[in-house]
Amino acid sequence: MRCSIVIRAYNEEQHIGRLLEGISHQTLKDVEAILVDSGSTDATTAIAAHYGARVVRIQPGEFTFGCSLNKGIAAASGEFIVIASAHVYPVYPDWLERLLEPFADPQVALTYGKQRGDEDSKFSEQQIFARWYPDQSDLHQSHSFCNNANAAIRRSVWEKHPYDETLTGLEDLAWAKEVGSAKWAISYVAEAEVVHVHDETPRGVYNRYRREAMAFKQIYPEAHFSLYDFVRNVTASISFDLLHAARANVF
């Protein structure tokens, strides 16, 4: 099998069906879907089973982002592993084909695709998506940014470099940094686009940023972020959003 899709989920009944439906309409047919479920109490696993996905269960207390990925990939049979968030869905039927195209270069270990919000996404989040995921692809990027909401890796590289199971987040960034240091290439594919639905509560956003900040410090212990840096970045972000909102006649 050429491609396995690993999806991590916990109580995602609202979104998982749209992703799996999108997968079923892809032009690439030689795929398997594996749902790594960390204790859902809703219909997530039943929906996954309805679409023919294989369910790998882990205990809630066992969950870390890296652990769930390692479990899912270990259960997969594909030469390439597509990693998708349970609350994304593909825009085009050739999403998988485009995401996998850069692997024709044997030096590429990781690809990731474009993301955009849906009609309910906040303006500020749409701006973040636009900055992080531009319209132009970069098939040999010079930095380690990526995002496992919409990504693919070469399984043979993962076998030598499994995901860090100790991190509270940013396992994708840590993996990209590690394989980049080993001289593997990373490709950004703008044509492999998904819609990423974020409906987090303010508390959920706070918790996500907190655990990602902790993980970032673990990945980059030399990094320093002062109160001045915080104020400067917040001011710059607000100014950027206000400027683009005015240009887009959002007000």
C-alpha atoms as a PDB file:
ATOM      1  CA  MET A   1       0.000   0.000   0.000  1.00  0.00           C
ATOM      2  CA  ARG A   2       1.328   3.417  -0.971  1.00  0.00           C
ATOM      3  CA  CYS A   3      -0.418   5.661   1.551  1.00  0.00           C
ATOM      4  CA  SER A   4      -1.854   5.380   5.058  1.00  0.00           C
ATOM      5  CA  ILE A   5      -3.736   8.267   6.668  1.00  0.00           C
ATOM      6  CA  VAL A   6      -3.357   8.604  10.447  1.00  0.00           C
ATOM      7  CA  ILE A   7      -5.986  10.708  12.213  1.00  0.00           C
ATOM      8  CA  ARG A   8      -5.846  11.514  15.935  1.00  0.00           C
ATOM      9  CA  ALA A   9      -9.204  12.066  17.574  1.00  0.00           C
ATOM     10  CA  TYR A  10     -11.065  12.600  20.810  1.00  0.00           C
ATOM     11  CA  ASN A  11     -14.820  13.312  20.662  1.00  0.00           C
ATOM     12  CA  GLU A  12     -14.736  14.549  17.066  1.00  0.00           C
ATOM     13  CA  GLU A  13     -18.159  13.339  15.898  1.00  0.00           C
ATOM     14  CA  GLN A  14     -18.983  16.819  14.639  1.00  0.00           C
ATOM     15  CA  HIS A  15     -16.101  16.871  12.150  1.00  0.00           C
ATOM     16  CA  ILE A  16     -14.652  13.413  11.482  1.00  0.00           C
ATOM     17  CA  GLY A  17     -17.309  12.401   8.946  1.00  0.00           C
ATOM     18  CA  ARG A  18     -16.528  15.319   6.646  1.00  0.00           C
ATOM     19  CA  LEU A  19     -12.831  14.400   6.572  1.00  0.00           C
ATOM     20  CA  LEU A  20     -13.517  10.714   5.900  1.00  0.00           C
ATOM     21  CA  GLU A  21     -16.081  11.594   3.229  1.00  0.00           C
ATOM     22  CA  GLY A  22     -13.472  13.794   1.559  1.00  0.00           C
ATOM     23  CA  ILE A  23     -10.944  10.965   1.676  1.00  0.00           C
ATOM     24  CA  SER A  24     -13.427   8.625  -0.011  1.00  0.00           C
ATOM     25  CA  HIS A  25     -13.653  11.017  -2.977  1.00  0.00           C
ATOM     26  CA  GLN A  26      -9.907  11.382  -3.505  1.00  0.00           C
ATOM     27  CA  THR A  27      -8.414  10.488  -6.874  1.00  0.00           C
ATOM     28  CA  LEU A  28      -5.805   8.397  -5.053  1.00  0.00           C
ATOM     29  CA  LYS A  29      -7.559   5.169  -4.087  1.00  0.00           C
ATOM     30  CA  ASP A  30      -4.768   2.952  -2.723  1.00  0.00           C
ATOM     31  CA  VAL A  31      -5.090   4.286   0.826  1.00  0.00           C
ATOM     32  CA  GLU A  32      -6.042   3.144   4.310  1.00  0.00           C
ATOM     33  CA  ALA A  33      -7.398   5.339   7.102  1.00  0.00           C
ATOM     34  CA  ILE A  34      -6.373   4.742  10.706  1.00  0.00           C
ATOM     35  CA  LEU A  35      -8.100   6.587  13.536  1.00  0.00           C
ATOM     36  CA  VAL A  36      -6.132   6.803  16.786  1.00  0.00           C
ATOM     37  CA  ASP A  37      -8.796   7.392  19.418  1.00  0.00           C
ATOM     38  CA  SER A  38      -7.909   8.437  22.964  1.00  0.00           C
ATOM     39  CA  GLY A  39     -11.151   7.581  24.732  1.00  0.00           C
ATOM     40  CA  SER A  40     -13.971   9.244  22.805  1.00  0.00           C
ATOM     41  CA  THR A  41     -17.360   9.035  24.504  1.00  0.00           C
ATOM     42  CA  ASP A  42     -19.363  10.203  21.488  1.00  0.00           C
ATOM     43  CA  ALA A  43     -19.914   8.618  18.053  1.00  0.00           C
ATOM     44  CA  THR A  44     -16.407   9.293  16.703  1.00  0.00           C
ATOM     45  CA  THR A  45     -15.320   5.654  16.466  1.00  0.00           C
ATOM     46  CA  ALA A  46     -18.672   4.511  15.059  1.00  0.00           C
ATOM     47  CA  ILE A  47     -18.455   7.118  12.290  1.00  0.00           C
ATOM     48  CA  ALA A  48     -14.883   6.068  11.532  1.00  0.00           C
ATOM     49  CA  ALA A  49     -15.898   2.413  11.330  1.00  0.00           C
ATOM     50  CA  HIS A  50     -18.775   3.332   9.001  1.00  0.00           C
ATOM     51  CA  TYR A  51     -16.237   4.756   6.549  1.00  0.00           C
ATOM     52  CA  GLY A  52     -14.012   1.698   6.830  1.00  0.00           C
ATOM     53  CA  ALA A  53     -11.306   3.288   8.956  1.00  0.00           C
ATOM     54  CA  ARG A  54      -9.345   1.072  11.314  1.00  0.00           C
ATOM     55  CA  VAL A  55      -9.593   2.249  14.921  1.00  0.00           C
ATOM     56  CA  VAL A  56      -6.547   2.101  17.192  1.00  0.00           C
ATOM     57  CA  ARG A  57      -7.483   2.830  20.799  1.00  0.00           C
ATOM     58  CA  ILE A  58      -5.240   4.315  23.459  1.00  0.00           C
ATOM     59  CA  GLN A  59      -6.093   5.250  27.037  1.00  0.00           C
ATOM     60  CA  PRO A  60      -6.647   8.961  27.756  1.00  0.00           C
ATOM     61  CA  GLY A  61      -3.818   8.908  30.273  1.00  0.00           C
ATOM     62  CA  GLU A  62      -1.502   7.427  27.655  1.00  0.00           C
ATOM     63  CA  PHE A  63      -2.080  10.270  25.206  1.00  0.00           C
ATOM     64  CA  THR A  64       0.580  12.610  23.988  1.00  0.00           C
ATOM     65  CA  PHE A  65       0.652  13.952  20.457  1.00  0.00           C
ATOM     66  CA  GLY A  66       3.822  12.034  19.661  1.00  0.00           C
ATOM     67  CA  CYS A  67       2.637   8.816  21.304  1.00  0.00           C
ATOM     68  CA  SER A  68      -0.628   8.745  19.368  1.00  0.00           C
ATOM     69  CA  LEU A  69       1.197   9.293  16.094  1.00  0.00           C
ATOM     70  CA  ASN A  70       3.733   6.571  16.816  1.00  0.00           C
ATOM     71  CA  LYS A  71       0.920   4.145  17.666  1.00  0.00           C
ATOM     72  CA  GLY A  72      -0.966   4.995  14.492  1.00  0.00           C
ATOM     73  CA  ILE A  73       2.052   4.796  12.214  1.00  0.00           C
ATOM     74  CA  ALA A  74       3.134   1.491  13.759  1.00  0.00           C
ATOM     75  CA  ALA A  75      -0.293   0.087  12.823  1.00  0.00           C
ATOM     76  CA  ALA A  76      -0.105   1.465   9.279  1.00  0.00           C
ATOM     77  CA  SER A  77       1.156  -0.354   6.206  1.00  0.00           C
ATOM     78  CA  GLY A  78       1.752   2.536   3.808  1.00  0.00           C
ATOM     79  CA  GLU A  79       5.087   3.609   2.398  1.00  0.00           C
ATOM     80  CA  PHE A  80       3.997   7.186   3.074  1.00  0.00           C
ATOM     81  CA  ILE A  81       2.025   8.355   6.101  1.00  0.00           C
ATOM     82  CA  VAL A  82      -0.425  11.211   5.736  1.00  0.00           C
ATOM     83  CA  ILE A  83      -1.218  12.909   9.047  1.00  0.00           C
ATOM     84  CA  ALA A  84      -4.496  14.801   9.288  1.00  0.00           C
ATOM     85  CA  SER A  85      -6.343  16.540  12.080  1.00  0.00           C
ATOM     86  CA  ALA A  86      -9.824  15.168  12.739  1.00  0.00           C
ATOM     87  CA  HIS A  87     -11.247  18.647  12.163  1.00  0.00           C
ATOM     88  CA  VAL A  88      -9.873  19.329   8.691  1.00  0.00           C
ATOM     89  CA  TYR A  89     -11.309  18.338   5.337  1.00  0.00           C
ATOM     90  CA  PRO A  90      -9.822  18.460   1.826  1.00  0.00           C
ATOM     91  CA  VAL A  91     -10.702  21.207  -0.629  1.00  0.00           C
ATOM     92  CA  TYR A  92      -9.870  19.283  -3.819  1.00  0.00           C
ATOM     93  CA  PRO A  93     -10.118  15.605  -4.849  1.00  0.00           C
ATOM     94  CA  ASP A  94      -6.398  15.499  -5.679  1.00  0.00           C
ATOM     95  CA  TRP A  95      -5.338  16.610  -2.168  1.00  0.00           C
ATOM     96  CA  LEU A  96      -3.532  13.349  -1.415  1.00  0.00           C
ATOM     97  CA  GLU A  97      -1.846  13.138  -4.801  1.00  0.00           C
ATOM     98  CA  ARG A  98      -0.505  16.669  -4.528  1.00  0.00           C
ATOM     99  CA  LEU A  99       0.653  16.151  -0.932  1.00  0.00           C
ATOM    100  CA  LEU A 100       2.609  13.043  -1.957  1.00  0.00           C
ATOM    101  CA  GLU A 101       4.112  14.398  -5.203  1.00  0.00           C
ATOM    102  CA  PRO A 102       7.321  15.797  -3.624  1.00  0.00           C
ATOM    103  CA  PHE A 103       8.281  12.287  -2.440  1.00  0.00           C
ATOM    104  CA  ALA A 104       9.374  11.613  -6.023  1.00  0.00           C
ATOM    105  CA  ASP A 105      12.534  13.306  -4.747  1.00  0.00           C
ATOM    106  CA  PRO A 106      14.176  10.635  -2.556  1.00  0.00           C
ATOM    107  CA  GLN A 107      15.626  13.337  -0.306  1.00  0.00           C
ATOM    108  CA  VAL A 108      12.206  14.577   0.843  1.00  0.00           C
ATOM    109  CA  ALA A 109      11.146  13.244   4.260  1.00  0.00           C
ATOM    110  CA  LEU A 110       8.211  15.541   5.022  1.00  0.00           C
ATOM    111  CA  THR A 111       5.563  17.465   3.125  1.00  0.00           C
ATOM    112  CA  TYR A 112       2.809  19.684   4.449  1.00  0.00           C
ATOM    113  CA  GLY A 113      -0.044  21.458   2.738  1.00  0.00           C
ATOM    114  CA  LYS A 114      -1.941  24.696   2.798  1.00  0.00           C
ATOM    115  CA  GLN A 115      -4.622  25.379   5.412  1.00  0.00           C
ATOM    116  CA  ARG A 116      -7.396  27.928   5.507  1.00  0.00           C
ATOM    117  CA  GLY A 117     -10.318  28.561   7.824  1.00  0.00           C
ATOM    118  CA  ASP A 118     -14.011  28.093   7.166  1.00  0.00           C
ATOM    119  CA  GLU A 119     -16.730  30.731   7.046  1.00  0.00           C
ATOM    120  CA  ASP A 120     -16.890  30.839  10.859  1.00  0.00           C
ATOM    121  CA  SER A 121     -13.159  31.384  11.412  1.00  0.00           C
ATOM    122  CA  LYS A 122     -12.192  34.617  13.110  1.00  0.00           C
ATOM    123  CA  PHE A 123     -10.541  37.261  10.938  1.00  0.00           C
ATOM    124  CA  SER A 124      -7.315  37.106  12.948  1.00  0.00           C
ATOM    125  CA  GLU A 125      -7.066  33.353  12.420  1.00  0.00           C
ATOM    126  CA  GLN A 126      -7.620  33.766   8.681  1.00  0.00           C
ATOM    127  CA  GLN A 127      -4.685  36.179   8.649  1.00  0.00           C
ATOM    128  CA  ILE A 128      -2.495  33.666  10.467  1.00  0.00           C
ATOM    129  CA  PHE A 129      -3.402  30.984   7.930  1.00  0.00           C
ATOM    130  CA  ALA A 130      -2.540  33.381   5.090  1.00  0.00           C
ATOM    131  CA  ARG A 131       0.879  34.174   6.591  1.00  0.00           C
ATOM    132  CA  TRP A 132       1.816  30.619   7.500  1.00  0.00           C
ATOM    133  CA  TYR A 133       0.429  28.945   4.377  1.00  0.00           C
ATOM    134  CA  PRO A 134       1.051  31.150   1.323  1.00  0.00           C
ATOM    135  CA  ASP A 135      -0.190  30.482  -2.191  1.00  0.00           C
ATOM    136  CA  GLN A 136       3.304  29.654  -3.468  1.00  0.00           C
ATOM    137  CA  SER A 137       4.778  26.189  -2.851  1.00  0.00           C
ATOM    138  CA  ASP A 138       8.322  25.758  -1.514  1.00  0.00           C
ATOM    139  CA  LEU A 139       9.556  22.272  -2.319  1.00  0.00           C
ATOM    140  CA  HIS A 140      12.913  22.643  -0.531  1.00  0.00           C
ATOM    141  CA  GLN A 141      12.227  25.088   2.268  1.00  0.00           C
ATOM    142  CA  SER A 142      15.083  26.383   4.382  1.00  0.00           C
ATOM    143  CA  HIS A 143      13.376  26.183   7.803  1.00  0.00           C
ATOM    144  CA  SER A 144      11.687  23.536   9.958  1.00  0.00           C
ATOM    145  CA  PHE A 145       8.159  24.943  10.164  1.00  0.00           C
ATOM    146  CA  CYS A 146       5.395  22.464   9.334  1.00  0.00           C
ATOM    147  CA  ASN A 147       2.031  21.436  10.740  1.00  0.00           C
ATOM    148  CA  ASN A 148       0.639  17.967  11.335  1.00  0.00           C
ATOM    149  CA  ALA A 149      -2.948  19.016  10.703  1.00  0.00           C
ATOM    150  CA  ASN A 150      -2.114  18.434   7.022  1.00  0.00           C
ATOM    151  CA  ALA A 151       1.184  16.677   6.428  1.00  0.00           C
ATOM    152  CA  ALA A 152       2.845  13.520   5.145  1.00  0.00           C
ATOM    153  CA  ILE A 153       6.075  11.742   6.037  1.00  0.00           C
ATOM    154  CA  ARG A 154       8.222   8.998   4.586  1.00  0.00           C
ATOM    155  CA  ARG A 155       7.723   5.935   6.773  1.00  0.00           C
ATOM    156  CA  SER A 156      11.315   4.732   6.401  1.00  0.00           C
ATOM    157  CA  VAL A 157      12.520   8.009   7.926  1.00  0.00           C
ATOM    158  CA  TRP A 158      10.052   7.704  10.817  1.00  0.00           C
ATOM    159  CA  GLU A 159      11.439   4.237  11.579  1.00  0.00           C
ATOM    160  CA  LYS A 160      14.771   5.893  12.383  1.00  0.00           C
ATOM    161  CA  HIS A 161      13.238   9.054  13.852  1.00  0.00           C
ATOM    162  CA  PRO A 162      10.002   8.315  15.756  1.00  0.00           C
ATOM    163  CA  TYR A 163       8.043  11.210  17.215  1.00  0.00           C
ATOM    164  CA  ASP A 164       9.039  12.546  20.630  1.00  0.00           C
ATOM    165  CA  GLU A 165       6.425  11.244  23.084  1.00  0.00           C
ATOM    166  CA  THR A 166       7.421  13.588  25.924  1.00  0.00           C
ATOM    167  CA  LEU A 167       6.357  16.851  24.294  1.00  0.00           C
ATOM    168  CA  THR A 168       3.101  18.603  25.242  1.00  0.00           C
ATOM    169  CA  GLY A 169       2.728  19.836  21.663  1.00  0.00           C
ATOM    170  CA  LEU A 170       4.699  20.843  18.562  1.00  0.00           C
ATOM    171  CA  GLU A 171       5.780  17.255  17.923  1.00  0.00           C
ATOM    172  CA  ASP A 172       5.669  18.157  14.225  1.00  0.00           C
ATOM    173  CA  LEU A 173       8.145  21.011  14.630  1.00  0.00           C
ATOM    174  CA  ALA A 174      10.486  18.831  16.699  1.00  0.00           C
ATOM    175  CA  TRP A 175      10.389  16.072  14.061  1.00  0.00           C
ATOM    176  CA  ALA A 176      11.031  18.516  11.229  1.00  0.00           C
ATOM    177  CA  LYS A 177      13.971  20.013  13.126  1.00  0.00           C
ATOM    178  CA  GLU A 178      15.430  16.552  13.753  1.00  0.00           C
ATOM    179  CA  VAL A 179      15.139  15.263  10.183  1.00  0.00           C
ATOM    180  CA  GLY A 180      16.287  18.601   8.791  1.00  0.00           C
ATOM    181  CA  SER A 181      19.437  18.288  10.901  1.00  0.00           C
ATOM    182  CA  ALA A 182      19.898  14.854   9.325  1.00  0.00           C
ATOM    183  CA  LYS A 183      19.898  16.560   5.884  1.00  0.00           C
ATOM    184  CA  TRP A 184      16.412  15.479   4.822  1.00  0.00           C
ATOM    185  CA  ALA A 185      14.324  17.947   2.814  1.00  0.00           C
ATOM    186  CA  ILE A 186      10.942  19.470   3.745  1.00  0.00           C
ATOM    187  CA  SER A 187       8.378  20.507   1.124  1.00  0.00           C
ATOM    188  CA  TYR A 188       5.485  22.926   1.449  1.00  0.00           C
ATOM    189  CA  VAL A 189       2.726  22.152  -1.085  1.00  0.00           C
ATOM    190  CA  ALA A 190       0.237  24.995  -1.484  1.00  0.00           C
ATOM    191  CA  GLU A 191      -1.938  22.933  -3.841  1.00  0.00           C
ATOM    192  CA  ALA A 192      -2.593  20.296  -1.136  1.00  0.00           C
ATOM    193  CA  GLU A 193      -5.188  22.450   0.607  1.00  0.00           C
ATOM    194  CA  VAL A 194      -7.510  21.688   3.507  1.00  0.00           C
ATOM    195  CA  VAL A 195     -10.055  23.662   5.494  1.00  0.00           C
ATOM    196  CA  HIS A 196      -9.147  23.679   9.192  1.00  0.00           C
ATOM    197  CA  VAL A 197     -12.114  24.181  11.509  1.00  0.00           C
ATOM    198  CA  HIS A 198     -11.217  25.673  14.895  1.00  0.00           C
ATOM    199  CA  ASP A 199     -14.119  26.031  17.318  1.00  0.00           C
ATOM    200  CA  GLU A 200     -12.115  26.225  20.545  1.00  0.00           C
ATOM    201  CA  THR A 201     -13.287  28.014  23.655  1.00  0.00           C
ATOM    202  CA  PRO A 202     -11.097  30.821  25.051  1.00  0.00           C
ATOM    203  CA  ARG A 203      -9.978  28.365  27.738  1.00  0.00           C
ATOM    204  CA  GLY A 204      -9.058  25.838  25.068  1.00  0.00           C
ATOM    205  CA  VAL A 205      -7.022  28.418  23.165  1.00  0.00           C
ATOM    206  CA  TYR A 206      -5.189  29.388  26.355  1.00  0.00           C
ATOM    207  CA  ASN A 207      -4.377  25.766  27.172  1.00  0.00           C
ATOM    208  CA  ARG A 208      -3.147  25.102  23.629  1.00  0.00           C
ATOM    209  CA  TYR A 209      -0.829  28.092  23.596  1.00  0.00           C
ATOM    210  CA  ARG A 210       0.437  27.262  27.079  1.00  0.00           C
ATOM    211  CA  ARG A 211       1.380  23.660  26.274  1.00  0.00           C
ATOM    212  CA  GLU A 212       2.873  24.710  22.925  1.00  0.00           C
ATOM    213  CA  ALA A 213       4.997  27.340  24.676  1.00  0.00           C
ATOM    214  CA  MET A 214       6.262  24.660  27.067  1.00  0.00           C
ATOM    215  CA  ALA A 215       7.055  22.367  24.145  1.00  0.00           C
ATOM    216  CA  PHE A 216       8.773  25.142  22.196  1.00  0.00           C
ATOM    217  CA  LYS A 217      11.110  25.787  25.124  1.00  0.00           C
ATOM    218  CA  GLN A 218      11.918  22.069  25.247  1.00  0.00           C
ATOM    219  CA  ILE A 219      12.668  21.990  21.516  1.00  0.00           C
ATOM    220  CA  TYR A 220      14.591  25.280  21.500  1.00  0.00           C
ATOM    221  CA  PRO A 221      16.089  25.644  24.999  1.00  0.00           C
ATOM    222  CA  GLU A 222      18.219  28.545  23.814  1.00  0.00           C
ATOM    223  CA  ALA A 223      15.158  30.623  22.888  1.00  0.00           C
ATOM    224  CA  HIS A 224      14.346  33.652  25.042  1.00  0.00           C
ATOM    225  CA  PHE A 225      11.014  35.489  25.019  1.00  0.00           C
ATOM    226  CA  SER A 226      10.792  38.547  27.263  1.00  0.00           C
ATOM    227  CA  LEU A 227       7.838  40.681  28.334  1.00  0.00           C
ATOM    228  CA  TYR A 228       9.059  43.267  25.834  1.00  0.00           C
ATOM    229  CA  ASP A 229       8.942  40.638  23.061  1.00  0.00           C
ATOM    230  CA  PHE A 230       5.399  39.726  24.105  1.00  0.00           C
ATOM    231  CA  VAL A 231       4.164  43.325  24.046  1.00  0.00           C
ATOM    232  CA  ARG A 232       5.905  44.020  20.738  1.00  0.00           C
ATOM    233  CA  ASN A 233       4.465  40.912  19.064  1.00  0.00           C
ATOM    234  CA  VAL A 234       0.929  41.523  20.346  1.00  0.00           C
ATOM    235  CA  THR A 235       1.063  45.150  19.188  1.00  0.00           C
ATOM    236  CA  ALA A 236       2.394  44.156  15.769  1.00  0.00           C
ATOM    237  CA  SER A 237      -0.256  41.441  15.350  1.00  0.00           C
ATOM    238  CA  ILE A 238      -3.120  43.758  16.292  1.00  0.00           C
ATOM    239  CA  SER A 239      -1.813  46.453  13.946  1.00  0.00           C
ATOM    240  CA  PHE A 240      -1.442  43.915  11.123  1.00  0.00           C
ATOM    241  CA  ASP A 241      -4.998  42.647  11.606  1.00  0.00           C
ATOM    242  CA  LEU A 242      -6.469  46.156  11.789  1.00  0.00           C
ATOM    243  CA  LEU A 243      -4.676  47.189   8.607  1.00  0.00           C
ATOM    244  CA  HIS A 244      -5.827  44.160   6.633  1.00  0.00           C
ATOM    245  CA  ALA A 245      -9.336  44.346   8.059  1.00  0.00           C
ATOM    246  CA  ALA A 246      -9.576  47.951   6.870  1.00  0.00           C
ATOM    247  CA  ARG A 247      -8.305  47.014   3.413  1.00  0.00           C
ATOM    248  CA  ALA A 248     -10.842  44.178   3.236  1.00  0.00           C
ATOM    249  CA  ASN A 249     -13.682  46.466   4.401  1.00  0.00           C
ATOM    250  CA  VAL A 250     -14.406  44.140   7.320  1.00  0.00           C
ATOM    251  CA  PHE A 251     -15.499  46.996   9.575  1.00  0.00           C
END
